[in-house]
Amino acid sequence: MCKVLKVNRSLYYHWIKTGCIIKKVDKKLNKLKEIYGLIISRKRISNIMKDLNLKV
């Protein structure tokens, strides 16, 4: 898979070990929800995704 995607194997394993940015954002939002009982709107998620240059 690394050859197909032209990605260094070491970088791939580093990415797996440290976690991708989406997982980090999910963890952060879940932690806020648990602490404050927040309900996060689609608009807020959309803004976060724009900040991270993510597209569905």
N, C-alpha and C. Protein backbone atom coordinates (compact mmCIF):
# COMPACT_ATOMS: atom_id res chain seq x y z
N MET A 1 0.83 -1.19 0.00
CA MET A 1 0.00 0.00 0.00
C MET A 1 0.87 1.25 0.00
N CYS A 2 1.96 1.23 0.75
CA CYS A 2 2.85 2.39 0.80
C CYS A 2 3.43 2.70 -0.58
N LYS A 3 3.77 1.67 -1.34
CA LYS A 3 4.30 1.88 -2.69
C LYS A 3 3.25 2.51 -3.59
N VAL A 4 2.03 2.03 -3.48
CA VAL A 4 0.94 2.56 -4.31
C VAL A 4 0.70 4.03 -4.00
N LEU A 5 0.70 4.36 -2.72
CA LEU A 5 0.45 5.75 -2.30
C LEU A 5 1.70 6.62 -2.29
N LYS A 6 2.85 5.99 -2.58
CA LYS A 6 4.13 6.70 -2.61
C LYS A 6 4.42 7.39 -1.28
N VAL A 7 4.31 6.59 -0.21
CA VAL A 7 4.53 7.07 1.14
C VAL A 7 5.62 6.21 1.78
N ASN A 8 6.53 6.86 2.50
CA ASN A 8 7.55 6.12 3.23
C ASN A 8 6.90 5.22 4.27
N ARG A 9 7.41 4.01 4.39
CA ARG A 9 6.86 3.08 5.37
C ARG A 9 7.03 3.62 6.78
N SER A 10 8.16 4.23 7.06
CA SER A 10 8.40 4.76 8.41
C SER A 10 7.43 5.89 8.74
N LEU A 11 7.11 6.72 7.76
CA LEU A 11 6.15 7.80 8.00
C LEU A 11 4.76 7.24 8.27
N TYR A 12 4.41 6.19 7.54
CA TYR A 12 3.10 5.56 7.75
C TYR A 12 2.99 5.03 9.19
N TYR A 13 4.02 4.32 9.64
CA TYR A 13 3.98 3.78 11.00
C TYR A 13 4.02 4.88 12.05
N HIS A 14 4.72 5.95 11.77
CA HIS A 14 4.72 7.10 12.68
C HIS A 14 3.32 7.69 12.77
N TRP A 15 2.64 7.81 11.64
CA TRP A 15 1.27 8.34 11.59
C TRP A 15 0.33 7.45 12.39
N ILE A 16 0.48 6.13 12.25
CA ILE A 16 -0.35 5.19 12.99
C ILE A 16 -0.07 5.31 14.49
N LYS A 17 1.20 5.43 14.85
CA LYS A 17 1.59 5.49 16.26
C LYS A 17 1.08 6.76 16.93
N THR A 18 1.24 7.89 16.27
CA THR A 18 0.86 9.17 16.89
C THR A 18 -0.62 9.48 16.72
N GLY A 19 -1.28 8.84 15.76
CA GLY A 19 -2.69 9.09 15.53
C GLY A 19 -2.88 10.19 14.51
N CYS A 20 -3.88 10.02 13.70
CA CYS A 20 -4.14 11.02 12.68
C CYS A 20 -4.87 12.22 13.29
N ILE A 21 -4.91 13.31 12.59
CA ILE A 21 -5.50 14.56 13.09
C ILE A 21 -6.99 14.40 13.37
N ILE A 22 -7.67 13.60 12.60
CA ILE A 22 -9.11 13.42 12.80
C ILE A 22 -9.38 12.77 14.14
N LYS A 23 -8.58 11.76 14.48
CA LYS A 23 -8.76 11.10 15.77
C LYS A 23 -8.50 12.07 16.91
N LYS A 24 -7.50 12.93 16.74
CA LYS A 24 -7.18 13.89 17.79
C LYS A 24 -8.33 14.88 17.99
N VAL A 25 -8.92 15.34 16.89
CA VAL A 25 -10.05 16.27 16.98
C VAL A 25 -11.24 15.57 17.62
N ASP A 26 -11.51 14.33 17.22
CA ASP A 26 -12.61 13.58 17.81
C ASP A 26 -12.42 13.42 19.31
N LYS A 27 -11.21 13.08 19.73
CA LYS A 27 -10.94 12.91 21.15
C LYS A 27 -11.17 14.21 21.91
N LYS A 28 -10.71 15.32 21.30
CA LYS A 28 -10.85 16.63 21.95
C LYS A 28 -12.33 17.00 22.10
N LEU A 29 -13.11 16.79 21.03
CA LEU A 29 -14.53 17.11 21.09
C LEU A 29 -15.26 16.21 22.08
N ASN A 30 -14.92 14.94 22.10
CA ASN A 30 -15.55 14.02 23.05
C ASN A 30 -15.23 14.40 24.49
N LYS A 31 -13.99 14.85 24.72
CA LYS A 31 -13.60 15.25 26.08
C LYS A 31 -14.41 16.48 26.51
N LEU A 32 -14.57 17.45 25.58
CA LEU A 32 -15.37 18.64 25.90
C LEU A 32 -16.81 18.26 26.18
N LYS A 33 -17.33 17.34 25.40
CA LYS A 33 -18.71 16.91 25.59
C LYS A 33 -18.90 16.27 26.96
N GLU A 34 -17.94 15.41 27.35
CA GLU A 34 -18.04 14.75 28.66
C GLU A 34 -17.94 15.75 29.81
N ILE A 35 -17.05 16.72 29.66
CA ILE A 35 -16.84 17.68 30.75
C ILE A 35 -17.99 18.68 30.85
N TYR A 36 -18.38 19.24 29.71
CA TYR A 36 -19.35 20.33 29.72
C TYR A 36 -20.74 19.94 29.25
N GLY A 37 -20.89 18.72 28.73
CA GLY A 37 -22.20 18.30 28.23
C GLY A 37 -22.61 19.07 26.98
N LEU A 38 -21.62 19.43 26.17
CA LEU A 38 -21.89 20.23 24.98
C LEU A 38 -22.55 19.43 23.87
N ILE A 39 -23.41 20.10 23.16
CA ILE A 39 -23.95 19.55 21.92
C ILE A 39 -23.31 20.38 20.81
N ILE A 40 -22.63 19.72 19.91
CA ILE A 40 -21.88 20.41 18.88
C ILE A 40 -22.67 20.40 17.59
N SER A 41 -22.87 21.59 17.03
CA SER A 41 -23.69 21.71 15.83
C SER A 41 -22.91 21.34 14.57
N ARG A 42 -23.66 21.10 13.51
CA ARG A 42 -23.04 20.80 12.22
C ARG A 42 -22.21 21.97 11.73
N LYS A 43 -22.66 23.17 12.03
CA LYS A 43 -21.93 24.37 11.61
C LYS A 43 -20.55 24.41 12.28
N ARG A 44 -20.49 24.08 13.56
CA ARG A 44 -19.22 24.07 14.29
C ARG A 44 -18.29 23.01 13.73
N ILE A 45 -18.82 21.84 13.46
CA ILE A 45 -18.01 20.77 12.88
C ILE A 45 -17.52 21.18 11.50
N SER A 46 -18.38 21.85 10.73
CA SER A 46 -18.00 22.34 9.41
C SER A 46 -16.84 23.33 9.51
N ASN A 47 -16.91 24.23 10.48
CA ASN A 47 -15.83 25.21 10.68
C ASN A 47 -14.53 24.54 11.09
N ILE A 48 -14.61 23.55 11.95
CA ILE A 48 -13.41 22.82 12.36
C ILE A 48 -12.80 22.13 11.15
N MET A 49 -13.63 21.51 10.34
CA MET A 49 -13.13 20.81 9.16
C MET A 49 -12.48 21.79 8.18
N LYS A 50 -13.06 22.97 8.02
CA LYS A 50 -12.46 23.98 7.14
C LYS A 50 -11.09 24.41 7.67
N ASP A 51 -10.99 24.59 8.98
CA ASP A 51 -9.71 24.96 9.59
C ASP A 51 -8.64 23.91 9.35
N LEU A 52 -9.06 22.64 9.31
CA LEU A 52 -8.13 21.54 9.13
C LEU A 52 -7.95 21.14 7.66
N ASN A 53 -8.61 21.90 6.77
CA ASN A 53 -8.60 21.60 5.33
C ASN A 53 -9.09 20.19 5.03
N LEU A 54 -10.15 19.78 5.70
CA LEU A 54 -10.74 18.46 5.48
C LEU A 54 -12.01 18.60 4.67
N LYS A 55 -12.24 17.63 3.81
CA LYS A 55 -13.47 17.60 3.01
C LYS A 55 -14.08 16.22 3.08
N VAL A 56 -15.40 16.19 3.07
CA VAL A 56 -16.10 14.90 3.13
C VAL A 56 -16.14 14.29 1.75
